[in-house]
Every structure is written in C-alpha cells, then in structure tokens.
Amino acid sequence: MKRTKKELLESIEKKVVKSLLVAKNTLYIEYLDGCKAIRLHDTDIITQKSNGNIVLNSGGFKTPTTKERLNRRSYPININCPGIYQKNYQWFVGENSVFYNGITFNENGDQVSPQKNR
C-alpha cells in the first residue's frame, strides 16, 4: 500500500528538520540531532550518525524491497558500505559478513560493529 509523505512522517518521534520522498514509501530524513536517515515505512533502514558511521536495519522485514532500498546508491546520504546479498535465505553484507539489525560501518566502509556468526 502506498503511503503519503505525511503518513510516513506521522510515525516519527524525533524532531525532523528536513524530509524528502525518494521512492515509494521511502523518505530521506534529516533529524535535529544531526543524524540523517533513509526510512522505509516506519523503519530507519539506513542511518548516518553525526560521526559519519552508517547503521543498517531491516526492521525485521527482510524483503526484496528492503534489500533494494538498502543497496540503492542514489540517496542524498553518502553510503560507503558493501552491498547486501542473499544466499540460502541468509542476508550478507560484503564478502561474508552476516547482516543483522544494527550492523555499523565507518565512513570508509569498514565494519565497526562486531561480526555475527551464520
């Protein structure tokens, strides 16, 4: 179901200073605290922290649309982390890092959060 920008913004609790519809049900958001995010429905799937780190989050919805939005590189956020792919129903980031909500990369694209086992 396609939602309007207004409907997408209603679920946000943090103070938003800028928002832009970038794809169906997907917003680019700048928060008052300096973070920037790509939000799909009610989940910030990509968050750029004020220190430059990028945090990825599926919100528990490992769907083709979520993966496509995570892999898209045309956003106003500089996403410098490896792409996400799926093998045997498991999501991976880059070579062999298991995807999990909260996986974090620095601005050089290096994973800075702990590795998870398959």
PDB file of N, CA and C in Angstrom:
ATOM      1  N   MET A   1       0.842  -1.170   0.000  1.00  0.00           N
ATOM      2  CA  MET A   1       0.000   0.000   0.000  1.00  0.00           C
ATOM      3  C   MET A   1       0.895   1.244   0.000  1.00  0.00           C
ATOM      4  N   LYS A   2       0.641   2.123  -0.917  1.00  0.00           N
ATOM      5  CA  LYS A   2       1.415   3.355  -0.990  1.00  0.00           C
ATOM      6  C   LYS A   2       0.908   4.347   0.050  1.00  0.00           C
ATOM      7  N   ARG A   3       1.863   4.927   0.789  1.00  0.00           N
ATOM      8  CA  ARG A   3       1.522   5.906   1.814  1.00  0.00           C
ATOM      9  C   ARG A   3       2.031   7.271   1.384  1.00  0.00           C
ATOM     10  N   THR A   4       1.357   8.296   1.848  1.00  0.00           N
ATOM     11  CA  THR A   4       1.767   9.655   1.527  1.00  0.00           C
ATOM     12  C   THR A   4       2.945  10.052   2.418  1.00  0.00           C
ATOM     13  N   LYS A   5       3.626  11.118   2.032  1.00  0.00           N
ATOM     14  CA  LYS A   5       4.734  11.634   2.840  1.00  0.00           C
ATOM     15  C   LYS A   5       4.240  11.989   4.237  1.00  0.00           C
ATOM     16  N   LYS A   6       3.084  12.607   4.312  1.00  0.00           N
ATOM     17  CA  LYS A   6       2.513  12.982   5.605  1.00  0.00           C
ATOM     18  C   LYS A   6       2.281  11.752   6.476  1.00  0.00           C
ATOM     19  N   GLU A   7       1.749  10.688   5.899  1.00  0.00           N
ATOM     20  CA  GLU A   7       1.506   9.454   6.644  1.00  0.00           C
ATOM     21  C   GLU A   7       2.824   8.833   7.123  1.00  0.00           C
ATOM     22  N   LEU A   8       3.841   8.864   6.292  1.00  0.00           N
ATOM     23  CA  LEU A   8       5.144   8.313   6.673  1.00  0.00           C
ATOM     24  C   LEU A   8       5.773   9.105   7.813  1.00  0.00           C
ATOM     25  N   LEU A   9       5.583  10.412   7.814  1.00  0.00           N
ATOM     26  CA  LEU A   9       6.163  11.268   8.847  1.00  0.00           C
ATOM     27  C   LEU A   9       5.449  11.140  10.191  1.00  0.00           C
ATOM     28  N   GLU A  10       4.187  10.723  10.186  1.00  0.00           N
ATOM     29  CA  GLU A  10       3.398  10.653  11.423  1.00  0.00           C
ATOM     30  C   GLU A  10       3.978   9.702  12.462  1.00  0.00           C
ATOM     31  N   SER A  11       4.685   8.663  12.027  1.00  0.00           N
ATOM     32  CA  SER A  11       5.201   7.664  12.978  1.00  0.00           C
ATOM     33  C   SER A  11       6.554   8.050  13.577  1.00  0.00           C
ATOM     34  N   ILE A  12       7.111   9.178  13.189  1.00  0.00           N
ATOM     35  CA  ILE A  12       8.433   9.584  13.670  1.00  0.00           C
ATOM     36  C   ILE A  12       8.303  10.359  14.977  1.00  0.00           C
ATOM     37  N   GLU A  13       9.056   9.933  15.974  1.00  0.00           N
ATOM     38  CA  GLU A  13       9.011  10.586  17.276  1.00  0.00           C
ATOM     39  C   GLU A  13      10.078  11.658  17.426  1.00  0.00           C
ATOM     40  N   LYS A  14      11.198  11.527  16.705  1.00  0.00           N
ATOM     41  CA  LYS A  14      12.284  12.503  16.796  1.00  0.00           C
ATOM     42  C   LYS A  14      11.928  13.752  15.990  1.00  0.00           C
ATOM     43  N   LYS A  15      12.578  14.862  16.286  1.00  0.00           N
ATOM     44  CA  LYS A  15      12.345  16.118  15.584  1.00  0.00           C
ATOM     45  C   LYS A  15      13.005  16.066  14.199  1.00  0.00           C
ATOM     46  N   VAL A  16      12.191  16.268  13.162  1.00  0.00           N
ATOM     47  CA  VAL A  16      12.649  16.253  11.774  1.00  0.00           C
ATOM     48  C   VAL A  16      12.845  17.690  11.297  1.00  0.00           C
ATOM     49  N   VAL A  17      13.999  17.964  10.689  1.00  0.00           N
ATOM     50  CA  VAL A  17      14.239  19.305  10.162  1.00  0.00           C
ATOM     51  C   VAL A  17      14.090  19.351   8.640  1.00  0.00           C
ATOM     52  N   LYS A  18      14.206  18.176   7.993  1.00  0.00           N
ATOM     53  CA  LYS A  18      14.052  18.114   6.537  1.00  0.00           C
ATOM     54  C   LYS A  18      13.621  16.709   6.155  1.00  0.00           C
ATOM     55  N   SER A  19      12.741  16.624   5.157  1.00  0.00           N
ATOM     56  CA  SER A  19      12.345  15.310   4.648  1.00  0.00           C
ATOM     57  C   SER A  19      12.064  15.413   3.156  1.00  0.00           C
ATOM     58  N   LEU A  20      12.312  14.299   2.463  1.00  0.00           N
ATOM     59  CA  LEU A  20      12.148  14.253   1.020  1.00  0.00           C
ATOM     60  C   LEU A  20      11.720  12.849   0.627  1.00  0.00           C
ATOM     61  N   LEU A  21      10.664  12.735  -0.158  1.00  0.00           N
ATOM     62  CA  LEU A  21      10.228  11.441  -0.667  1.00  0.00           C
ATOM     63  C   LEU A  21      11.198  11.014  -1.762  1.00  0.00           C
ATOM     64  N   VAL A  22      11.895   9.863  -1.588  1.00  0.00           N
ATOM     65  CA  VAL A  22      12.914   9.436  -2.551  1.00  0.00           C
ATOM     66  C   VAL A  22      12.517   8.186  -3.338  1.00  0.00           C
ATOM     67  N   ALA A  23      11.508   7.476  -2.882  1.00  0.00           N
ATOM     68  CA  ALA A  23      10.971   6.294  -3.573  1.00  0.00           C
ATOM     69  C   ALA A  23       9.639   5.973  -2.904  1.00  0.00           C
ATOM     70  N   LYS A  24       8.924   5.017  -3.470  1.00  0.00           N
ATOM     71  CA  LYS A  24       7.635   4.641  -2.898  1.00  0.00           C
ATOM     72  C   LYS A  24       7.816   4.215  -1.442  1.00  0.00           C
ATOM     73  N   ASN A  25       7.078   4.867  -0.549  1.00  0.00           N
ATOM     74  CA  ASN A  25       7.104   4.585   0.891  1.00  0.00           C
ATOM     75  C   ASN A  25       8.482   4.777   1.523  1.00  0.00           C
ATOM     76  N   THR A  26       9.317   5.611   0.910  1.00  0.00           N
ATOM     77  CA  THR A  26      10.693   5.784   1.356  1.00  0.00           C
ATOM     78  C   THR A  26      11.037   7.265   1.442  1.00  0.00           C
ATOM     79  N   LEU A  27      11.518   7.686   2.610  1.00  0.00           N
ATOM     80  CA  LEU A  27      11.876   9.078   2.842  1.00  0.00           C
ATOM     81  C   LEU A  27      13.366   9.221   3.145  1.00  0.00           C
ATOM     82  N   TYR A  28      13.925  10.350   2.729  1.00  0.00           N
ATOM     83  CA  TYR A  28      15.214  10.815   3.225  1.00  0.00           C
ATOM     84  C   TYR A  28      14.865  11.810   4.327  1.00  0.00           C
ATOM     85  N   ILE A  29      15.492  11.649   5.493  1.00  0.00           N
ATOM     86  CA  ILE A  29      15.160  12.495   6.638  1.00  0.00           C
ATOM     87  C   ILE A  29      16.434  13.049   7.267  1.00  0.00           C
ATOM     88  N   GLU A  30      16.380  14.311   7.636  1.00  0.00           N
ATOM     89  CA  GLU A  30      17.427  14.905   8.465  1.00  0.00           C
ATOM     90  C   GLU A  30      16.783  15.230   9.804  1.00  0.00           C
ATOM     91  N   TYR A  31      17.394  14.706  10.865  1.00  0.00           N
ATOM     92  CA  TYR A  31      16.881  14.925  12.208  1.00  0.00           C
ATOM     93  C   TYR A  31      17.597  16.098  12.874  1.00  0.00           C
ATOM     94  N   LEU A  32      16.952  16.669  13.863  1.00  0.00           N
ATOM     95  CA  LEU A  32      17.507  17.791  14.603  1.00  0.00           C
ATOM     96  C   LEU A  32      18.848  17.443  15.272  1.00  0.00           C
ATOM     97  N   ASP A  33      19.017  16.174  15.667  1.00  0.00           N
ATOM     98  CA  ASP A  33      20.250  15.760  16.352  1.00  0.00           C
ATOM     99  C   ASP A  33      21.441  15.589  15.405  1.00  0.00           C
ATOM    100  N   GLY A  34      21.254  15.849  14.108  1.00  0.00           N
ATOM    101  CA  GLY A  34      22.339  15.757  13.137  1.00  0.00           C
ATOM    102  C   GLY A  34      22.386  14.454  12.371  1.00  0.00           C
ATOM    103  N   CYS A  35      21.613  13.459  12.775  1.00  0.00           N
ATOM    104  CA  CYS A  35      21.557  12.198  12.038  1.00  0.00           C
ATOM    105  C   CYS A  35      20.747  12.376  10.754  1.00  0.00           C
ATOM    106  N   LYS A  36      21.096  11.575   9.760  1.00  0.00           N
ATOM    107  CA  LYS A  36      20.339  11.526   8.505  1.00  0.00           C
ATOM    108  C   LYS A  36      19.900  10.085   8.321  1.00  0.00           C
ATOM    109  N   ALA A  37      18.752   9.887   7.681  1.00  0.00           N
ATOM    110  CA  ALA A  37      18.252   8.517   7.552  1.00  0.00           C
ATOM    111  C   ALA A  37      17.476   8.321   6.256  1.00  0.00           C
ATOM    112  N   ILE A  38      17.462   7.076   5.823  1.00  0.00           N
ATOM    113  CA  ILE A  38      16.544   6.623   4.793  1.00  0.00           C
ATOM    114  C   ILE A  38      15.530   5.767   5.530  1.00  0.00           C
ATOM    115  N   ARG A  39      14.281   6.155   5.433  1.00  0.00           N
ATOM    116  CA  ARG A  39      13.201   5.499   6.175  1.00  0.00           C
ATOM    117  C   ARG A  39      12.261   4.805   5.202  1.00  0.00           C
ATOM    118  N   LEU A  40      12.093   3.492   5.371  1.00  0.00           N
ATOM    119  CA  LEU A  40      11.143   2.704   4.589  1.00  0.00           C
ATOM    120  C   LEU A  40       9.983   2.362   5.512  1.00  0.00           C
ATOM    121  N   HIS A  41       8.803   2.821   5.157  1.00  0.00           N
ATOM    122  CA  HIS A  41       7.621   2.699   6.018  1.00  0.00           C
ATOM    123  C   HIS A  41       7.926   3.324   7.382  1.00  0.00           C
ATOM    124  N   ASP A  42       8.033   2.514   8.431  1.00  0.00           N
ATOM    125  CA  ASP A  42       8.222   3.039   9.783  1.00  0.00           C
ATOM    126  C   ASP A  42       9.592   2.707  10.363  1.00  0.00           C
ATOM    127  N   THR A  43      10.552   2.370   9.499  1.00  0.00           N
ATOM    128  CA  THR A  43      11.875   1.963   9.960  1.00  0.00           C
ATOM    129  C   THR A  43      12.963   2.775   9.275  1.00  0.00           C
ATOM    130  N   ASP A  44      13.878   3.333  10.066  1.00  0.00           N
ATOM    131  CA  ASP A  44      15.075   3.948   9.503  1.00  0.00           C
ATOM    132  C   ASP A  44      16.001   2.805   9.107  1.00  0.00           C
ATOM    133  N   ILE A  45      16.015   2.466   7.816  1.00  0.00           N
ATOM    134  CA  ILE A  45      16.802   1.321   7.367  1.00  0.00           C
ATOM    135  C   ILE A  45      18.274   1.672   7.186  1.00  0.00           C
ATOM    136  N   ILE A  46      18.554   2.954   6.936  1.00  0.00           N
ATOM    137  CA  ILE A  46      19.931   3.443   6.854  1.00  0.00           C
ATOM    138  C   ILE A  46      19.999   4.704   7.701  1.00  0.00           C
ATOM    139  N   THR A  47      20.911   4.719   8.648  1.00  0.00           N
ATOM    140  CA  THR A  47      21.092   5.910   9.472  1.00  0.00           C
ATOM    141  C   THR A  47      22.548   6.327   9.410  1.00  0.00           C
ATOM    142  N   GLN A  48      22.762   7.583   9.055  1.00  0.00           N
ATOM    143  CA  GLN A  48      24.103   8.146   9.107  1.00  0.00           C
ATOM    144  C   GLN A  48      24.195   8.972  10.377  1.00  0.00           C
ATOM    145  N   LYS A  49      25.012   8.504  11.309  1.00  0.00           N
ATOM    146  CA  LYS A  49      25.192   9.189  12.586  1.00  0.00           C
ATOM    147  C   LYS A  49      26.007  10.461  12.376  1.00  0.00           C
ATOM    148  N   SER A  50      25.995  11.331  13.355  1.00  0.00           N
ATOM    149  CA  SER A  50      26.733  12.590  13.249  1.00  0.00           C
ATOM    150  C   SER A  50      28.242  12.371  13.141  1.00  0.00           C
ATOM    151  N   ASN A  51      28.746  11.194  13.595  1.00  0.00           N
ATOM    152  CA  ASN A  51      30.169  10.883  13.470  1.00  0.00           C
ATOM    153  C   ASN A  51      30.524  10.274  12.110  1.00  0.00           C
ATOM    154  N   GLY A  52      29.521  10.122  11.230  1.00  0.00           N
ATOM    155  CA  GLY A  52      29.746   9.577   9.890  1.00  0.00           C
ATOM    156  C   GLY A  52      29.459   8.097   9.766  1.00  0.00           C
ATOM    157  N   ASN A  53      29.330   7.381  10.890  1.00  0.00           N
ATOM    158  CA  ASN A  53      29.030   5.949  10.827  1.00  0.00           C
ATOM    159  C   ASN A  53      27.664   5.699  10.198  1.00  0.00           C
ATOM    160  N   ILE A  54      27.555   4.587   9.462  1.00  0.00           N
ATOM    161  CA  ILE A  54      26.314   4.168   8.826  1.00  0.00           C
ATOM    162  C   ILE A  54      25.798   2.920   9.532  1.00  0.00           C
ATOM    163  N   VAL A  55      24.549   2.965   9.981  1.00  0.00           N
ATOM    164  CA  VAL A  55      23.908   1.840  10.652  1.00  0.00           C
ATOM    165  C   VAL A  55      22.796   1.320   9.751  1.00  0.00           C
ATOM    166  N   LEU A  56      22.774  -0.006   9.520  1.00  0.00           N
ATOM    167  CA  LEU A  56      21.751  -0.632   8.681  1.00  0.00           C
ATOM    168  C   LEU A  56      20.766  -1.400   9.551  1.00  0.00           C
ATOM    169  N   ASN A  57      19.496  -1.416   9.118  1.00  0.00           N
ATOM    170  CA  ASN A  57      18.437  -2.032   9.903  1.00  0.00           C
ATOM    171  C   ASN A  57      17.306  -2.433   8.966  1.00  0.00           C
ATOM    172  N   SER A  58      16.929  -3.695   8.979  1.00  0.00           N
ATOM    173  CA  SER A  58      15.814  -4.152   8.138  1.00  0.00           C
ATOM    174  C   SER A  58      14.474  -3.976   8.830  1.00  0.00           C
ATOM    175  N   GLY A  59      14.491  -3.706  10.120  1.00  0.00           N
ATOM    176  CA  GLY A  59      13.253  -3.619  10.874  1.00  0.00           C
ATOM    177  C   GLY A  59      12.542  -4.955  10.978  1.00  0.00           C
ATOM    178  N   GLY A  60      13.281  -6.033  10.686  1.00  0.00           N
ATOM    179  CA  GLY A  60      12.689  -7.371  10.721  1.00  0.00           C
ATOM    180  C   GLY A  60      12.012  -7.763   9.422  1.00  0.00           C
ATOM    181  N   PHE A  61      12.060  -6.887   8.424  1.00  0.00           N
ATOM    182  CA  PHE A  61      11.418  -7.144   7.133  1.00  0.00           C
ATOM    183  C   PHE A  61      12.487  -7.390   6.079  1.00  0.00           C
ATOM    184  N   LYS A  62      12.967  -8.622   5.996  1.00  0.00           N
ATOM    185  CA  LYS A  62      13.997  -8.967   5.001  1.00  0.00           C
ATOM    186  C   LYS A  62      13.303  -9.312   3.685  1.00  0.00           C
ATOM    187  N   THR A  63      12.804  -8.270   3.053  1.00  0.00           N
ATOM    188  CA  THR A  63      12.060  -8.410   1.803  1.00  0.00           C
ATOM    189  C   THR A  63      12.908  -7.922   0.634  1.00  0.00           C
ATOM    190  N   PRO A  64      12.526  -8.271  -0.594  1.00  0.00           N
ATOM    191  CA  PRO A  64      13.240  -7.735  -1.753  1.00  0.00           C
ATOM    192  C   PRO A  64      13.244  -6.206  -1.781  1.00  0.00           C
ATOM    193  N   THR A  65      12.144  -5.584  -1.368  1.00  0.00           N
ATOM    194  CA  THR A  65      12.083  -4.115  -1.369  1.00  0.00           C
ATOM    195  C   THR A  65      13.054  -3.530  -0.354  1.00  0.00           C
ATOM    196  N   THR A  66      13.105  -4.101   0.845  1.00  0.00           N
ATOM    197  CA  THR A  66      14.037  -3.610   1.861  1.00  0.00           C
ATOM    198  C   THR A  66      15.470  -3.745   1.361  1.00  0.00           C
ATOM    199  N   LYS A  67      15.806  -4.899   0.803  1.00  0.00           N
ATOM    200  CA  LYS A  67      17.164  -5.117   0.296  1.00  0.00           C
ATOM    201  C   LYS A  67      17.486  -4.150  -0.842  1.00  0.00           C
ATOM    202  N   GLU A  68      16.537  -3.908  -1.719  1.00  0.00           N
ATOM    203  CA  GLU A  68      16.754  -2.963  -2.826  1.00  0.00           C
ATOM    204  C   GLU A  68      16.997  -1.566  -2.292  1.00  0.00           C
ATOM    205  N   ARG A  69      16.212  -1.145  -1.307  1.00  0.00           N
ATOM    206  CA  ARG A  69      16.397   0.187  -0.734  1.00  0.00           C
ATOM    207  C   ARG A  69      17.741   0.295  -0.016  1.00  0.00           C
ATOM    208  N   LEU A  70      18.158  -0.752   0.678  1.00  0.00           N
ATOM    209  CA  LEU A  70      19.453  -0.744   1.352  1.00  0.00           C
ATOM    210  C   LEU A  70      20.607  -0.667   0.349  1.00  0.00           C
ATOM    211  N   ASN A  71      20.448  -1.284  -0.791  1.00  0.00           N
ATOM    212  CA  ASN A  71      21.506  -1.313  -1.805  1.00  0.00           C
ATOM    213  C   ASN A  71      21.509  -0.093  -2.729  1.00  0.00           C
ATOM    214  N   ARG A  72      20.460   0.675  -2.732  1.00  0.00           N
ATOM    215  CA  ARG A  72      20.364   1.837  -3.623  1.00  0.00           C
ATOM    216  C   ARG A  72      21.438   2.856  -3.265  1.00  0.00           C
ATOM    217  N   ARG A  73      22.087   3.404  -4.256  1.00  0.00           N
ATOM    218  CA  ARG A  73      23.184   4.344  -4.008  1.00  0.00           C
ATOM    219  C   ARG A  73      22.870   5.768  -4.471  1.00  0.00           C
ATOM    220  N   SER A  74      21.634   6.039  -4.803  1.00  0.00           N
ATOM    221  CA  SER A  74      21.283   7.364  -5.332  1.00  0.00           C
ATOM    222  C   SER A  74      20.673   8.285  -4.272  1.00  0.00           C
ATOM    223  N   TYR A  75      20.833   7.926  -3.001  1.00  0.00           N
ATOM    224  CA  TYR A  75      20.270   8.740  -1.934  1.00  0.00           C
ATOM    225  C   TYR A  75      21.142   9.961  -1.640  1.00  0.00           C
ATOM    226  N   PRO A  76      20.585  10.959  -0.962  1.00  0.00           N
ATOM    227  CA  PRO A  76      21.382  12.117  -0.534  1.00  0.00           C
ATOM    228  C   PRO A  76      22.361  11.796   0.611  1.00  0.00           C
ATOM    229  N   ILE A  77      22.429  10.540   1.046  1.00  0.00           N
ATOM    230  CA  ILE A  77      23.384  10.111   2.073  1.00  0.00           C
ATOM    231  C   ILE A  77      24.538   9.421   1.361  1.00  0.00           C
ATOM    232  N   ASN A  78      25.760   9.709   1.783  1.00  0.00           N
ATOM    233  CA  ASN A  78      26.930   9.054   1.213  1.00  0.00           C
ATOM    234  C   ASN A  78      27.083   7.686   1.870  1.00  0.00           C
ATOM    235  N   ILE A  79      26.589   6.644   1.204  1.00  0.00           N
ATOM    236  CA  ILE A  79      26.625   5.295   1.747  1.00  0.00           C
ATOM    237  C   ILE A  79      27.857   4.591   1.197  1.00  0.00           C
ATOM    238  N   ASN A  80      28.857   4.432   2.056  1.00  0.00           N
ATOM    239  CA  ASN A  80      30.099   3.804   1.634  1.00  0.00           C
ATOM    240  C   ASN A  80      30.269   2.502   2.401  1.00  0.00           C
ATOM    241  N   CYS A  81      29.345   1.565   2.166  1.00  0.00           N
ATOM    242  CA  CYS A  81      29.477   0.257   2.787  1.00  0.00           C
ATOM    243  C   CYS A  81      29.144  -0.789   1.732  1.00  0.00           C
ATOM    244  N   PRO A  82      29.592  -2.012   1.937  1.00  0.00           N
ATOM    245  CA  PRO A  82      29.373  -3.058   0.926  1.00  0.00           C
ATOM    246  C   PRO A  82      27.896  -3.326   0.683  1.00  0.00           C
ATOM    247  N   GLY A  83      27.586  -3.899  -0.469  1.00  0.00           N
ATOM    248  CA  GLY A  83      26.213  -4.241  -0.817  1.00  0.00           C
ATOM    249  C   GLY A  83      25.711  -5.459  -0.054  1.00  0.00           C
ATOM    250  N   ILE A  84      24.403  -5.614  -0.067  1.00  0.00           N
ATOM    251  CA  ILE A  84      23.747  -6.711   0.628  1.00  0.00           C
ATOM    252  C   ILE A  84      23.271  -7.729  -0.403  1.00  0.00           C
ATOM    253  N   TYR A  85      23.534  -8.995  -0.115  1.00  0.00           N
ATOM    254  CA  TYR A  85      23.046 -10.052  -0.989  1.00  0.00           C
ATOM    255  C   TYR A  85      22.484 -11.177  -0.125  1.00  0.00           C
ATOM    256  N   GLN A  86      21.768 -12.084  -0.770  1.00  0.00           N
ATOM    257  CA  GLN A  86      21.123 -13.180  -0.052  1.00  0.00           C
ATOM    258  C   GLN A  86      21.612 -14.508  -0.601  1.00  0.00           C
ATOM    259  N   LYS A  87      21.878 -15.440   0.308  1.00  0.00           N
ATOM    260  CA  LYS A  87      22.273 -16.797  -0.077  1.00  0.00           C
ATOM    261  C   LYS A  87      21.641 -17.757   0.913  1.00  0.00           C
ATOM    262  N   ASN A  88      20.895 -18.729   0.401  1.00  0.00           N
ATOM    263  CA  ASN A  88      20.220 -19.712   1.253  1.00  0.00           C
ATOM    264  C   ASN A  88      19.404 -19.046   2.358  1.00  0.00           C
ATOM    265  N   TYR A  89      18.637 -18.027   1.990  1.00  0.00           N
ATOM    266  CA  TYR A  89      17.731 -17.303   2.879  1.00  0.00           C
ATOM    267  C   TYR A  89      18.442 -16.439   3.924  1.00  0.00           C
ATOM    268  N   GLN A  90      19.754 -16.359   3.872  1.00  0.00           N
ATOM    269  CA  GLN A  90      20.538 -15.554   4.819  1.00  0.00           C
ATOM    270  C   GLN A  90      21.046 -14.305   4.101  1.00  0.00           C
ATOM    271  N   TRP A  91      20.945 -13.147   4.742  1.00  0.00           N
ATOM    272  CA  TRP A  91      21.479 -11.910   4.180  1.00  0.00           C
ATOM    273  C   TRP A  91      22.926 -11.733   4.614  1.00  0.00           C
ATOM    274  N   PHE A  92      23.741 -11.214   3.679  1.00  0.00           N
ATOM    275  CA  PHE A  92      25.147 -10.923   3.933  1.00  0.00           C
ATOM    276  C   PHE A  92      25.453  -9.508   3.476  1.00  0.00           C
ATOM    277  N   VAL A  93      26.480  -8.924   4.079  1.00  0.00           N
ATOM    278  CA  VAL A  93      26.957  -7.605   3.683  1.00  0.00           C
ATOM    279  C   VAL A  93      28.401  -7.788   3.244  1.00  0.00           C
ATOM    280  N   GLY A  94      28.711  -7.363   2.025  1.00  0.00           N
ATOM    281  CA  GLY A  94      30.074  -7.505   1.528  1.00  0.00           C
ATOM    282  C   GLY A  94      30.443  -8.955   1.326  1.00  0.00           C
ATOM    283  N   GLU A  95      31.708  -9.284   1.604  1.00  0.00           N
ATOM    284  CA  GLU A  95      32.220 -10.630   1.350  1.00  0.00           C
ATOM    285  C   GLU A  95      31.458 -11.704   2.118  1.00  0.00           C
ATOM    286  N   ASN A  96      31.540 -11.694   3.429  1.00  0.00           N
ATOM    287  CA  ASN A  96      30.915 -12.761   4.220  1.00  0.00           C
ATOM    288  C   ASN A  96      30.339 -12.287   5.544  1.00  0.00           C
ATOM    289  N   SER A  97      30.150 -10.993   5.736  1.00  0.00           N
ATOM    290  CA  SER A  97      29.579 -10.512   6.992  1.00  0.00           C
ATOM    291  C   SER A  97      28.084 -10.794   7.015  1.00  0.00           C
ATOM    292  N   VAL A  98      27.637 -11.441   8.056  1.00  0.00           N
ATOM    293  CA  VAL A  98      26.216 -11.724   8.211  1.00  0.00           C
ATOM    294  C   VAL A  98      25.507 -10.410   8.531  1.00  0.00           C
ATOM    295  N   PHE A  99      24.427 -10.136   7.793  1.00  0.00           N
ATOM    296  CA  PHE A  99      23.637  -8.930   8.054  1.00  0.00           C
ATOM    297  C   PHE A  99      22.853  -9.116   9.342  1.00  0.00           C
ATOM    298  N   TYR A 100      22.822  -8.085  10.158  1.00  0.00           N
ATOM    299  CA  TYR A 100      21.948  -8.056  11.326  1.00  0.00           C
ATOM    300  C   TYR A 100      21.558  -6.610  11.582  1.00  0.00           C
ATOM    301  N   ASN A 101      20.428  -6.414  12.231  1.00  0.00           N
ATOM    302  CA  ASN A 101      19.983  -5.062  12.534  1.00  0.00           C
ATOM    303  C   ASN A 101      20.986  -4.396  13.468  1.00  0.00           C
ATOM    304  N   GLY A 102      21.457  -3.237  13.051  1.00  0.00           N
ATOM    305  CA  GLY A 102      22.430  -2.506  13.836  1.00  0.00           C
ATOM    306  C   GLY A 102      23.854  -2.656  13.324  1.00  0.00           C
ATOM    307  N   ILE A 103      24.060  -3.447  12.276  1.00  0.00           N
ATOM    308  CA  ILE A 103      25.408  -3.574  11.712  1.00  0.00           C
ATOM    309  C   ILE A 103      25.876  -2.181  11.308  1.00  0.00           C
ATOM    310  N   THR A 104      27.116  -1.859  11.668  1.00  0.00           N
ATOM    311  CA  THR A 104      27.596  -0.483  11.540  1.00  0.00           C
ATOM    312  C   THR A 104      28.914  -0.429  10.782  1.00  0.00           C
ATOM    313  N   PHE A 105      29.012   0.573   9.904  1.00  0.00           N
ATOM    314  CA  PHE A 105      30.206   0.801   9.098  1.00  0.00           C
ATOM    315  C   PHE A 105      30.690   2.227   9.320  1.00  0.00           C
ATOM    316  N   ASN A 106      32.019   2.404   9.289  1.00  0.00           N
ATOM    317  CA  ASN A 106      32.532   3.765   9.391  1.00  0.00           C
ATOM    318  C   ASN A 106      32.459   4.430   8.021  1.00  0.00           C
ATOM    319  N   GLU A 107      32.872   5.672   7.933  1.00  0.00           N
ATOM    320  CA  GLU A 107      32.729   6.410   6.677  1.00  0.00           C
ATOM    321  C   GLU A 107      33.638   5.883   5.572  1.00  0.00           C
ATOM    322  N   ASN A 108      34.607   4.986   5.912  1.00  0.00           N
ATOM    323  CA  ASN A 108      35.452   4.355   4.895  1.00  0.00           C
ATOM    324  C   ASN A 108      34.861   3.044   4.393  1.00  0.00           C
ATOM    325  N   GLY A 109      33.746   2.613   4.981  1.00  0.00           N
ATOM    326  CA  GLY A 109      33.111   1.369   4.571  1.00  0.00           C
ATOM    327  C   GLY A 109      33.578   0.153   5.344  1.00  0.00           C
ATOM    328  N   ASP A 110      34.353   0.357   6.406  1.00  0.00           N
ATOM    329  CA  ASP A 110      34.823  -0.755   7.240  1.00  0.00           C
ATOM    330  C   ASP A 110      33.807  -1.038   8.335  1.00  0.00           C
ATOM    331  N   GLN A 111      33.518  -2.325   8.557  1.00  0.00           N
ATOM    332  CA  GLN A 111      32.578  -2.688   9.606  1.00  0.00           C
ATOM    333  C   GLN A 111      33.195  -2.395  10.968  1.00  0.00           C
ATOM    334  N   VAL A 112      32.467  -1.660  11.802  1.00  0.00           N
ATOM    335  CA  VAL A 112      32.965  -1.314  13.137  1.00  0.00           C
ATOM    336  C   VAL A 112      32.158  -1.984  14.249  1.00  0.00           C
ATOM    337  N   SER A 113      31.055  -2.615  13.899  1.00  0.00           N
ATOM    338  CA  SER A 113      30.302  -3.380  14.889  1.00  0.00           C
ATOM    339  C   SER A 113      30.802  -4.826  14.866  1.00  0.00           C
ATOM    340  N   PRO A 114      30.510  -5.600  15.900  1.00  0.00           N
ATOM    341  CA  PRO A 114      31.009  -6.978  15.965  1.00  0.00           C
ATOM    342  C   PRO A 114      30.501  -7.838  14.807  1.00  0.00           C
ATOM    343  N   GLN A 115      31.298  -8.829  14.426  1.00  0.00           N
ATOM    344  CA  GLN A 115      30.877  -9.822  13.428  1.00  0.00           C
ATOM    345  C   GLN A 115      29.889 -10.783  14.098  1.00  0.00           C
ATOM    346  N   LYS A 116      28.913 -11.213  13.341  1.00  0.00           N
ATOM    347  CA  LYS A 116      27.960 -12.216  13.840  1.00  0.00           C
ATOM    348  C   LYS A 116      28.203 -13.516  13.086  1.00  0.00           C
ATOM    349  N   ASN A 117      27.962 -14.635  13.741  1.00  0.00           N
ATOM    350  CA  ASN A 117      28.110 -15.937  13.105  1.00  0.00           C
ATOM    351  C   ASN A 117      26.875 -16.276  12.304  1.00  0.00           C
ATOM    352  N   ARG A 118      27.063 -17.138  11.340  1.00  0.00           N
ATOM    353  CA  ARG A 118      25.934 -17.562  10.493  1.00  0.00           C
ATOM    354  C   ARG A 118      24.946 -18.255  11.313  1.00  0.00           C
TER     355      ARG A 118
END
